[in-house]
Amino acid sequence: MELVQIKSKKEKGFTLVEIIVTTFVFSLTVAIALGIFASVIRLQRYNLKQHELLNQTGYAMEYISRAIRMAVKNDGTICSDWANKNYNLTQGNKSIEFATYHSPNECWRFFQDGEILKIEDKNGDVYPLISDKFQTNLQFTVEGDIPNNQPKVTISMTVQGVGTGDQPQITIQTTISQRNLDP
């Protein structure tokens, strides 16, 4: 007896339902992956801007603190508008003016111009201390600026990123006492 194999005439392939289900699962997987990727990119941009914010705010606070700490009493010849004080507050306490230790002929000023933190030097030249990528809210407070007393200056600064969406923000405050530079 001879065995004859009968082959099935069924064609091999995918049905329409299988193709639709596979396409749906693949599309869903790609959509989830792209959503995660977009979230990671947004988070990375936020973290980079926050890192830059911390660097610039730290630099500005250290620069201002060091300069204010080294201020000298104004005898009226250096900063002509005010005399016998160490510091002069203006612009609703958003600006501080003082005579510098570096040279007795220099009068410096740190101030908020709009939303930008700036410095004005002895020549009247104005420079920003923080880039325009960030807006600043600055406040100075002076305590004990009387004869035979060592004054304290408190600097409060809130800095926030500029732009659309969630922006990083930091609020920082420090109090500085003037160095006693009298012999």
N, C-alpha and C. Protein backbone atom coordinates (compact mmCIF):
# COMPACT_ATOMS: atom_id res chain seq x y z
N MET A 1 0.79 -1.15 0.00
CA MET A 1 0.00 0.00 0.00
C MET A 1 0.86 1.25 0.00
N GLU A 2 0.48 2.08 -0.79
CA GLU A 2 1.24 3.30 -0.97
C GLU A 2 0.54 4.43 -0.20
N LEU A 3 1.35 5.16 0.55
CA LEU A 3 0.81 6.27 1.31
C LEU A 3 0.95 7.55 0.49
N VAL A 4 -0.13 8.18 0.40
CA VAL A 4 -0.14 9.43 -0.34
C VAL A 4 -0.45 10.54 0.66
N GLN A 5 0.38 11.47 0.62
CA GLN A 5 0.15 12.61 1.50
C GLN A 5 -0.72 13.62 0.77
N ILE A 6 -1.70 14.04 1.49
CA ILE A 6 -2.58 15.04 0.91
C ILE A 6 -2.23 16.38 1.55
N LYS A 7 -1.94 17.31 0.75
CA LYS A 7 -1.61 18.64 1.24
C LYS A 7 -2.89 19.46 1.34
N SER A 8 -2.91 20.25 2.37
CA SER A 8 -4.06 21.11 2.57
C SER A 8 -3.97 22.28 1.61
N LYS A 9 -5.08 22.65 1.12
CA LYS A 9 -5.10 23.74 0.16
C LYS A 9 -5.31 25.08 0.86
N LYS A 10 -5.22 25.12 2.20
CA LYS A 10 -5.34 26.39 2.93
C LYS A 10 -4.13 27.24 2.62
N GLU A 11 -4.36 28.50 2.35
CA GLU A 11 -3.25 29.39 2.09
C GLU A 11 -2.77 29.98 3.40
N LYS A 12 -1.49 30.12 3.47
CA LYS A 12 -0.90 30.70 4.67
C LYS A 12 -0.87 32.21 4.50
N GLY A 13 -1.15 32.99 5.63
CA GLY A 13 -1.16 34.44 5.58
C GLY A 13 -1.88 34.99 6.80
N PHE A 14 -2.10 36.28 6.79
CA PHE A 14 -2.76 36.94 7.90
C PHE A 14 -4.17 37.34 7.49
N THR A 15 -5.01 37.29 8.46
CA THR A 15 -6.36 37.74 8.19
C THR A 15 -6.42 39.25 8.40
N LEU A 16 -7.48 39.85 7.94
CA LEU A 16 -7.66 41.29 8.08
C LEU A 16 -7.73 41.68 9.56
N VAL A 17 -8.38 40.90 10.37
CA VAL A 17 -8.50 41.17 11.81
C VAL A 17 -7.12 41.14 12.46
N GLU A 18 -6.29 40.19 12.11
CA GLU A 18 -4.95 40.09 12.67
C GLU A 18 -4.10 41.33 12.29
N ILE A 19 -4.23 41.77 11.08
CA ILE A 19 -3.48 42.95 10.62
C ILE A 19 -3.95 44.19 11.37
N ILE A 20 -5.24 44.36 11.56
CA ILE A 20 -5.78 45.51 12.26
C ILE A 20 -5.33 45.51 13.72
N VAL A 21 -5.40 44.38 14.38
CA VAL A 21 -4.98 44.27 15.78
C VAL A 21 -3.49 44.57 15.90
N THR A 22 -2.69 44.03 15.02
CA THR A 22 -1.24 44.25 15.06
C THR A 22 -0.91 45.73 14.83
N THR A 23 -1.59 46.33 13.87
CA THR A 23 -1.36 47.75 13.59
C THR A 23 -1.75 48.61 14.79
N PHE A 24 -2.86 48.28 15.43
CA PHE A 24 -3.31 49.03 16.61
C PHE A 24 -2.30 48.91 17.75
N VAL A 25 -1.83 47.70 18.03
CA VAL A 25 -0.86 47.49 19.11
C VAL A 25 0.45 48.21 18.80
N PHE A 26 0.91 48.15 17.56
CA PHE A 26 2.14 48.85 17.17
C PHE A 26 1.98 50.36 17.32
N SER A 27 0.85 50.91 16.84
CA SER A 27 0.59 52.35 16.95
C SER A 27 0.53 52.79 18.40
N LEU A 28 -0.12 52.00 19.24
CA LEU A 28 -0.21 52.32 20.66
C LEU A 28 1.18 52.33 21.30
N THR A 29 2.00 51.37 20.98
CA THR A 29 3.37 51.29 21.51
C THR A 29 4.20 52.49 21.07
N VAL A 30 4.09 52.86 19.80
CA VAL A 30 4.84 54.01 19.29
C VAL A 30 4.36 55.30 19.96
N ALA A 31 3.05 55.47 20.13
CA ALA A 31 2.50 56.67 20.76
C ALA A 31 2.98 56.79 22.21
N ILE A 32 3.00 55.71 22.94
CA ILE A 32 3.49 55.73 24.33
C ILE A 32 4.97 56.07 24.36
N ALA A 33 5.76 55.46 23.47
CA ALA A 33 7.20 55.73 23.43
C ALA A 33 7.47 57.20 23.09
N LEU A 34 6.73 57.75 22.12
CA LEU A 34 6.93 59.15 21.76
C LEU A 34 6.51 60.08 22.89
N GLY A 35 5.45 59.75 23.61
CA GLY A 35 5.03 60.55 24.76
C GLY A 35 6.09 60.57 25.85
N ILE A 36 6.66 59.42 26.12
CA ILE A 36 7.72 59.33 27.13
C ILE A 36 8.94 60.13 26.66
N PHE A 37 9.30 60.00 25.40
CA PHE A 37 10.45 60.72 24.86
C PHE A 37 10.23 62.24 24.95
N ALA A 38 9.04 62.71 24.60
CA ALA A 38 8.74 64.14 24.68
C ALA A 38 8.80 64.63 26.12
N SER A 39 8.31 63.83 27.06
CA SER A 39 8.38 64.20 28.48
C SER A 39 9.82 64.29 28.96
N VAL A 40 10.64 63.37 28.54
CA VAL A 40 12.06 63.38 28.92
C VAL A 40 12.75 64.62 28.36
N ILE A 41 12.45 64.99 27.13
CA ILE A 41 13.05 66.18 26.52
C ILE A 41 12.62 67.44 27.27
N ARG A 42 11.31 67.55 27.60
CA ARG A 42 10.82 68.70 28.37
C ARG A 42 11.50 68.78 29.73
N LEU A 43 11.62 67.65 30.40
CA LEU A 43 12.26 67.62 31.72
C LEU A 43 13.73 68.00 31.62
N GLN A 44 14.41 67.54 30.58
CA GLN A 44 15.82 67.89 30.38
C GLN A 44 15.99 69.39 30.16
N ARG A 45 15.11 69.99 29.36
CA ARG A 45 15.18 71.44 29.12
C ARG A 45 14.94 72.21 30.42
N TYR A 46 13.96 71.77 31.20
CA TYR A 46 13.66 72.41 32.48
C TYR A 46 14.87 72.32 33.41
N ASN A 47 15.47 71.13 33.49
CA ASN A 47 16.63 70.93 34.37
C ASN A 47 17.82 71.78 33.93
N LEU A 48 18.04 71.90 32.64
CA LEU A 48 19.15 72.74 32.15
C LEU A 48 18.92 74.21 32.48
N LYS A 49 17.67 74.67 32.32
CA LYS A 49 17.37 76.06 32.65
C LYS A 49 17.47 76.30 34.16
N GLN A 50 17.05 75.30 34.95
CA GLN A 50 17.16 75.43 36.40
C GLN A 50 18.64 75.46 36.82
N HIS A 51 19.47 74.67 36.19
CA HIS A 51 20.91 74.68 36.49
C HIS A 51 21.52 76.04 36.15
N GLU A 52 21.14 76.60 35.00
CA GLU A 52 21.63 77.92 34.62
C GLU A 52 21.12 78.99 35.60
N LEU A 53 19.87 78.86 36.02
CA LEU A 53 19.29 79.78 37.00
C LEU A 53 20.08 79.75 38.30
N LEU A 54 20.39 78.57 38.79
CA LEU A 54 21.15 78.45 40.04
C LEU A 54 22.55 79.04 39.89
N ASN A 55 23.19 78.79 38.77
CA ASN A 55 24.54 79.34 38.55
C ASN A 55 24.52 80.87 38.51
N GLN A 56 23.60 81.44 37.74
CA GLN A 56 23.57 82.90 37.61
C GLN A 56 23.13 83.58 38.91
N THR A 57 22.17 82.99 39.61
CA THR A 57 21.71 83.56 40.87
C THR A 57 22.82 83.49 41.92
N GLY A 58 23.50 82.37 42.00
CA GLY A 58 24.61 82.23 42.94
C GLY A 58 25.73 83.22 42.66
N TYR A 59 26.06 83.39 41.38
CA TYR A 59 27.10 84.34 41.00
C TYR A 59 26.69 85.76 41.39
N ALA A 60 25.45 86.14 41.04
CA ALA A 60 24.98 87.51 41.33
C ALA A 60 24.96 87.77 42.84
N MET A 61 24.46 86.81 43.60
CA MET A 61 24.38 87.00 45.05
C MET A 61 25.79 87.12 45.66
N GLU A 62 26.70 86.31 45.21
CA GLU A 62 28.08 86.38 45.72
C GLU A 62 28.75 87.69 45.33
N TYR A 63 28.55 88.13 44.10
CA TYR A 63 29.13 89.37 43.62
C TYR A 63 28.62 90.57 44.42
N ILE A 64 27.29 90.63 44.59
CA ILE A 64 26.69 91.73 45.34
C ILE A 64 27.15 91.69 46.80
N SER A 65 27.14 90.51 47.40
CA SER A 65 27.53 90.37 48.80
C SER A 65 28.96 90.83 49.04
N ARG A 66 29.84 90.41 48.18
CA ARG A 66 31.25 90.78 48.32
C ARG A 66 31.44 92.28 48.19
N ALA A 67 30.76 92.89 47.22
CA ALA A 67 30.90 94.33 47.01
C ALA A 67 30.32 95.11 48.19
N ILE A 68 29.14 94.72 48.66
CA ILE A 68 28.50 95.42 49.78
C ILE A 68 29.30 95.26 51.06
N ARG A 69 29.88 94.09 51.26
CA ARG A 69 30.67 93.83 52.46
C ARG A 69 31.88 94.76 52.53
N MET A 70 32.40 95.16 51.37
CA MET A 70 33.60 95.98 51.32
C MET A 70 33.29 97.48 51.17
N ALA A 71 32.06 97.88 51.38
CA ALA A 71 31.69 99.30 51.26
C ALA A 71 32.32 100.11 52.39
N VAL A 72 32.48 101.39 52.15
CA VAL A 72 33.02 102.30 53.16
C VAL A 72 32.01 103.41 53.40
N LYS A 73 32.16 104.08 54.54
CA LYS A 73 31.24 105.18 54.86
C LYS A 73 31.45 106.31 53.87
N ASN A 74 30.35 106.81 53.38
CA ASN A 74 30.38 107.93 52.43
C ASN A 74 30.52 109.23 53.21
N ASP A 75 31.59 109.96 52.92
CA ASP A 75 31.80 111.24 53.62
C ASP A 75 31.16 112.40 52.87
N GLY A 76 30.48 112.11 51.79
CA GLY A 76 29.81 113.15 51.01
C GLY A 76 30.58 113.55 49.77
N THR A 77 31.86 113.19 49.69
CA THR A 77 32.65 113.55 48.51
C THR A 77 32.58 112.45 47.45
N ILE A 78 32.25 111.24 47.87
CA ILE A 78 32.24 110.11 46.93
C ILE A 78 30.90 110.04 46.20
N CYS A 79 29.88 109.79 46.95
CA CYS A 79 28.51 109.73 46.41
C CYS A 79 27.83 111.00 46.93
N SER A 80 27.71 111.99 46.08
CA SER A 80 27.36 113.33 46.54
C SER A 80 25.94 113.50 47.05
N ASP A 81 25.02 112.63 46.68
CA ASP A 81 23.62 112.83 47.06
C ASP A 81 23.32 112.50 48.52
N TRP A 82 24.16 111.75 49.17
CA TRP A 82 23.92 111.35 50.56
C TRP A 82 25.26 111.26 51.28
N ALA A 83 25.28 111.59 52.54
CA ALA A 83 26.55 111.61 53.28
C ALA A 83 26.36 111.01 54.66
N ASN A 84 27.51 110.59 55.25
CA ASN A 84 27.57 110.04 56.61
C ASN A 84 26.76 108.77 56.78
N LYS A 85 26.60 108.04 55.71
CA LYS A 85 25.95 106.74 55.76
C LYS A 85 26.79 105.76 54.95
N ASN A 86 26.59 104.50 55.20
CA ASN A 86 27.29 103.48 54.42
C ASN A 86 26.53 103.11 53.15
N TYR A 87 25.21 103.13 53.24
CA TYR A 87 24.37 102.68 52.13
C TYR A 87 23.21 103.64 51.91
N ASN A 88 22.79 103.75 50.67
CA ASN A 88 21.64 104.57 50.33
C ASN A 88 20.66 103.69 49.53
N LEU A 89 19.44 103.55 50.05
CA LEU A 89 18.41 102.77 49.37
C LEU A 89 17.50 103.69 48.57
N THR A 90 17.18 103.29 47.33
CA THR A 90 16.26 104.05 46.48
C THR A 90 15.35 103.08 45.75
N GLN A 91 14.50 103.61 44.93
CA GLN A 91 13.56 102.83 44.11
C GLN A 91 12.72 101.87 44.95
N GLY A 92 12.24 102.31 46.09
CA GLY A 92 11.44 101.43 46.92
C GLY A 92 12.23 100.23 47.42
N ASN A 93 13.47 100.46 47.81
CA ASN A 93 14.40 99.44 48.31
C ASN A 93 14.79 98.40 47.25
N LYS A 94 14.66 98.74 45.98
CA LYS A 94 15.11 97.86 44.90
C LYS A 94 16.46 98.29 44.35
N SER A 95 17.07 99.28 45.00
CA SER A 95 18.36 99.79 44.58
C SER A 95 19.18 100.15 45.82
N ILE A 96 20.48 99.82 45.78
CA ILE A 96 21.37 100.19 46.88
C ILE A 96 22.61 100.84 46.27
N GLU A 97 23.01 101.94 46.87
CA GLU A 97 24.17 102.70 46.41
C GLU A 97 25.16 102.76 47.56
N PHE A 98 26.45 102.67 47.25
CA PHE A 98 27.48 102.70 48.29
C PHE A 98 28.82 103.09 47.70
N ALA A 99 29.69 103.58 48.57
CA ALA A 99 31.07 103.90 48.19
C ALA A 99 31.89 102.63 48.34
N THR A 100 32.74 102.37 47.35
CA THR A 100 33.50 101.11 47.37
C THR A 100 34.84 101.26 48.06
N TYR A 101 35.32 100.17 48.56
CA TYR A 101 36.62 100.08 49.21
C TYR A 101 37.75 100.09 48.18
N HIS A 102 37.45 99.59 46.97
CA HIS A 102 38.48 99.47 45.93
C HIS A 102 39.16 100.81 45.66
N SER A 103 38.38 101.81 45.59
CA SER A 103 38.90 103.15 45.34
C SER A 103 37.96 104.13 46.01
N PRO A 104 38.45 105.01 46.82
CA PRO A 104 37.56 105.93 47.52
C PRO A 104 36.76 106.83 46.59
N ASN A 105 37.09 106.83 45.32
CA ASN A 105 36.40 107.70 44.38
C ASN A 105 35.28 106.99 43.62
N GLU A 106 34.94 105.79 44.01
CA GLU A 106 33.94 105.03 43.28
C GLU A 106 32.64 104.92 44.06
N CYS A 107 31.57 105.16 43.37
CA CYS A 107 30.24 104.99 43.92
C CYS A 107 29.53 103.96 43.03
N TRP A 108 29.16 102.84 43.62
CA TRP A 108 28.50 101.77 42.86
C TRP A 108 27.04 101.70 43.25
N ARG A 109 26.26 101.09 42.34
CA ARG A 109 24.84 100.90 42.62
C ARG A 109 24.38 99.58 42.01
N PHE A 110 23.70 98.78 42.82
CA PHE A 110 23.02 97.58 42.34
C PHE A 110 21.53 97.92 42.31
N PHE A 111 20.86 97.57 41.22
CA PHE A 111 19.46 97.94 41.12
C PHE A 111 18.71 97.01 40.17
N GLN A 112 17.41 97.11 40.27
CA GLN A 112 16.53 96.36 39.39
C GLN A 112 16.01 97.29 38.32
N ASP A 113 16.30 96.98 37.07
CA ASP A 113 15.84 97.78 35.93
C ASP A 113 14.78 96.96 35.20
N GLY A 114 13.52 97.29 35.43
CA GLY A 114 12.46 96.44 34.92
C GLY A 114 12.48 95.14 35.71
N GLU A 115 12.83 94.07 35.04
CA GLU A 115 12.96 92.78 35.73
C GLU A 115 14.38 92.24 35.61
N ILE A 116 15.34 93.10 35.32
CA ILE A 116 16.74 92.70 35.15
C ILE A 116 17.58 93.30 36.27
N LEU A 117 18.43 92.47 36.89
CA LEU A 117 19.36 92.91 37.93
C LEU A 117 20.59 93.51 37.26
N LYS A 118 20.95 94.75 37.64
CA LYS A 118 22.07 95.44 36.99
C LYS A 118 22.97 96.10 38.03
N ILE A 119 24.16 96.46 37.57
CA ILE A 119 25.13 97.22 38.37
C ILE A 119 25.51 98.46 37.58
N GLU A 120 25.67 99.57 38.31
CA GLU A 120 26.16 100.81 37.72
C GLU A 120 27.48 101.14 38.40
N ASP A 121 28.53 101.32 37.62
CA ASP A 121 29.85 101.58 38.22
C ASP A 121 30.12 103.08 38.30
N LYS A 122 31.35 103.42 38.69
CA LYS A 122 31.73 104.82 38.92
C LYS A 122 31.59 105.69 37.69
N ASN A 123 31.72 105.09 36.51
CA ASN A 123 31.63 105.85 35.27
C ASN A 123 30.20 106.01 34.77
N GLY A 124 29.27 105.41 35.49
CA GLY A 124 27.88 105.44 35.05
C GLY A 124 27.54 104.36 34.06
N ASP A 125 28.51 103.46 33.80
CA ASP A 125 28.25 102.35 32.90
C ASP A 125 27.37 101.32 33.61
N VAL A 126 26.39 100.79 32.90
CA VAL A 126 25.43 99.85 33.48
C VAL A 126 25.60 98.49 32.81
N TYR A 127 25.68 97.44 33.63
CA TYR A 127 25.85 96.08 33.15
C TYR A 127 24.83 95.16 33.83
N PRO A 128 24.27 94.21 33.09
CA PRO A 128 23.38 93.24 33.74
C PRO A 128 24.21 92.20 34.51
N LEU A 129 23.70 91.76 35.66
CA LEU A 129 24.35 90.70 36.43
C LEU A 129 23.74 89.34 36.15
N ILE A 130 22.51 89.35 35.67
CA ILE A 130 21.81 88.11 35.33
C ILE A 130 21.27 88.30 33.92
N SER A 131 21.31 87.25 33.11
CA SER A 131 20.88 87.37 31.71
C SER A 131 19.38 87.65 31.61
N ASP A 132 18.98 88.09 30.43
CA ASP A 132 17.57 88.41 30.22
C ASP A 132 16.70 87.16 30.04
N LYS A 133 17.28 85.97 30.20
CA LYS A 133 16.51 84.73 30.21
C LYS A 133 15.75 84.59 31.53
N PHE A 134 16.09 85.46 32.49
CA PHE A 134 15.50 85.38 33.82
C PHE A 134 15.00 86.75 34.25
N GLN A 135 13.90 86.76 34.98
CA GLN A 135 13.39 88.01 35.56
C GLN A 135 13.68 87.99 37.05
N THR A 136 14.00 89.17 37.57
CA THR A 136 14.45 89.30 38.95
C THR A 136 13.52 90.21 39.74
N ASN A 137 13.27 89.83 40.96
CA ASN A 137 12.59 90.71 41.91
C ASN A 137 13.57 90.89 43.07
N LEU A 138 14.07 92.09 43.26
CA LEU A 138 15.15 92.38 44.19
C LEU A 138 14.67 93.28 45.31
N GLN A 139 15.17 93.05 46.52
CA GLN A 139 14.80 93.87 47.67
C GLN A 139 16.01 93.98 48.61
N PHE A 140 16.33 95.20 49.02
CA PHE A 140 17.41 95.44 49.98
C PHE A 140 16.81 96.00 51.27
N THR A 141 17.40 95.61 52.40
CA THR A 141 17.04 96.17 53.70
C THR A 141 18.33 96.48 54.43
N VAL A 142 18.43 97.67 55.01
CA VAL A 142 19.62 98.07 55.77
C VAL A 142 19.22 98.30 57.22
N GLU A 143 19.99 97.72 58.14
CA GLU A 143 19.76 97.91 59.58
C GLU A 143 21.03 98.44 60.22
N GLY A 144 20.88 99.39 61.11
CA GLY A 144 22.00 99.87 61.92
C GLY A 144 22.97 100.76 61.20
N ASP A 145 22.53 101.50 60.20
CA ASP A 145 23.44 102.41 59.49
C ASP A 145 23.48 103.76 60.20
N ILE A 146 24.08 103.73 61.39
CA ILE A 146 24.23 104.92 62.22
C ILE A 146 25.69 105.01 62.65
N PRO A 147 26.15 106.18 63.11
CA PRO A 147 27.56 106.32 63.51
C PRO A 147 27.95 105.29 64.58
N ASN A 148 29.18 104.84 64.51
CA ASN A 148 29.77 103.88 65.44
C ASN A 148 29.00 102.55 65.50
N ASN A 149 28.44 102.17 64.43
CA ASN A 149 27.70 100.92 64.35
C ASN A 149 28.06 100.22 63.05
N GLN A 150 28.08 98.91 63.09
CA GLN A 150 28.37 98.14 61.89
C GLN A 150 27.04 97.73 61.24
N PRO A 151 26.69 98.31 60.11
CA PRO A 151 25.38 98.05 59.52
C PRO A 151 25.30 96.65 58.91
N LYS A 152 24.05 96.17 58.79
CA LYS A 152 23.77 94.90 58.13
C LYS A 152 22.86 95.16 56.94
N VAL A 153 23.14 94.48 55.86
CA VAL A 153 22.32 94.59 54.65
C VAL A 153 21.73 93.22 54.37
N THR A 154 20.42 93.17 54.21
CA THR A 154 19.75 91.93 53.81
C THR A 154 19.35 92.06 52.35
N ILE A 155 19.73 91.06 51.57
CA ILE A 155 19.39 91.02 50.15
C ILE A 155 18.40 89.88 49.96
N SER A 156 17.26 90.19 49.40
CA SER A 156 16.27 89.18 49.05
C SER A 156 16.08 89.22 47.54
N MET A 157 16.17 88.06 46.92
CA MET A 157 16.10 88.02 45.46
C MET A 157 15.27 86.81 45.03
N THR A 158 14.29 87.05 44.19
CA THR A 158 13.54 85.97 43.55
C THR A 158 13.84 86.05 42.06
N VAL A 159 14.29 84.94 41.51
CA VAL A 159 14.65 84.89 40.09
C VAL A 159 13.85 83.77 39.45
N GLN A 160 13.25 84.05 38.30
CA GLN A 160 12.43 83.07 37.61
C GLN A 160 12.74 83.11 36.13
N GLY A 161 12.66 81.94 35.50
CA GLY A 161 12.87 81.85 34.07
C GLY A 161 11.79 82.58 33.30
N VAL A 162 12.15 83.07 32.12
CA VAL A 162 11.22 83.77 31.25
C VAL A 162 10.87 82.83 30.10
N GLY A 163 9.60 82.78 29.77
CA GLY A 163 9.18 81.94 28.65
C GLY A 163 7.84 81.29 28.95
N THR A 164 7.40 80.48 28.02
CA THR A 164 6.13 79.79 28.17
C THR A 164 6.33 78.49 28.93
N GLY A 165 5.26 77.99 29.48
CA GLY A 165 5.32 76.72 30.19
C GLY A 165 5.87 76.87 31.59
N ASP A 166 6.16 75.75 32.20
CA ASP A 166 6.68 75.72 33.56
C ASP A 166 8.12 76.23 33.58
N GLN A 167 8.38 77.28 34.36
CA GLN A 167 9.70 77.89 34.42
C GLN A 167 10.28 77.73 35.83
N PRO A 168 11.58 77.46 35.93
CA PRO A 168 12.19 77.33 37.26
C PRO A 168 12.22 78.67 37.98
N GLN A 169 12.19 78.61 39.30
CA GLN A 169 12.21 79.82 40.12
C GLN A 169 12.98 79.51 41.40
N ILE A 170 13.70 80.53 41.89
CA ILE A 170 14.41 80.40 43.16
C ILE A 170 14.26 81.70 43.94
N THR A 171 14.10 81.57 45.24
CA THR A 171 14.09 82.71 46.13
C THR A 171 15.26 82.52 47.09
N ILE A 172 16.10 83.53 47.17
CA ILE A 172 17.31 83.44 47.99
C ILE A 172 17.45 84.72 48.80
N GLN A 173 17.96 84.58 50.01
CA GLN A 173 18.14 85.74 50.88
C GLN A 173 19.41 85.54 51.69
N THR A 174 20.11 86.63 51.89
CA THR A 174 21.30 86.60 52.74
C THR A 174 21.44 87.94 53.45
N THR A 175 22.09 87.90 54.60
CA THR A 175 22.38 89.12 55.36
C THR A 175 23.88 89.25 55.48
N ILE A 176 24.36 90.45 55.20
CA ILE A 176 25.80 90.73 55.18
C ILE A 176 26.09 91.84 56.17
N SER A 177 27.14 91.66 56.95
CA SER A 177 27.59 92.77 57.79
C SER A 177 28.83 93.36 57.15
N GLN A 178 28.90 94.65 57.21
CA GLN A 178 30.03 95.35 56.61
C GLN A 178 31.29 95.04 57.41
N ARG A 179 32.37 94.87 56.70
CA ARG A 179 33.63 94.66 57.40
C ARG A 179 34.07 95.96 58.06
N ASN A 180 34.63 95.84 59.23
CA ASN A 180 35.12 97.02 59.94
C ASN A 180 36.50 97.34 59.38
N LEU A 181 36.55 98.30 58.48
CA LEU A 181 37.79 98.64 57.81
C LEU A 181 38.54 99.80 58.47
N ASP A 182 37.97 100.36 59.51
CA ASP A 182 38.64 101.47 60.20
C ASP A 182 39.84 100.92 60.98
N PRO A 183 40.95 101.66 61.00
CA PRO A 183 42.15 101.17 61.70
C PRO A 183 41.97 101.18 63.21
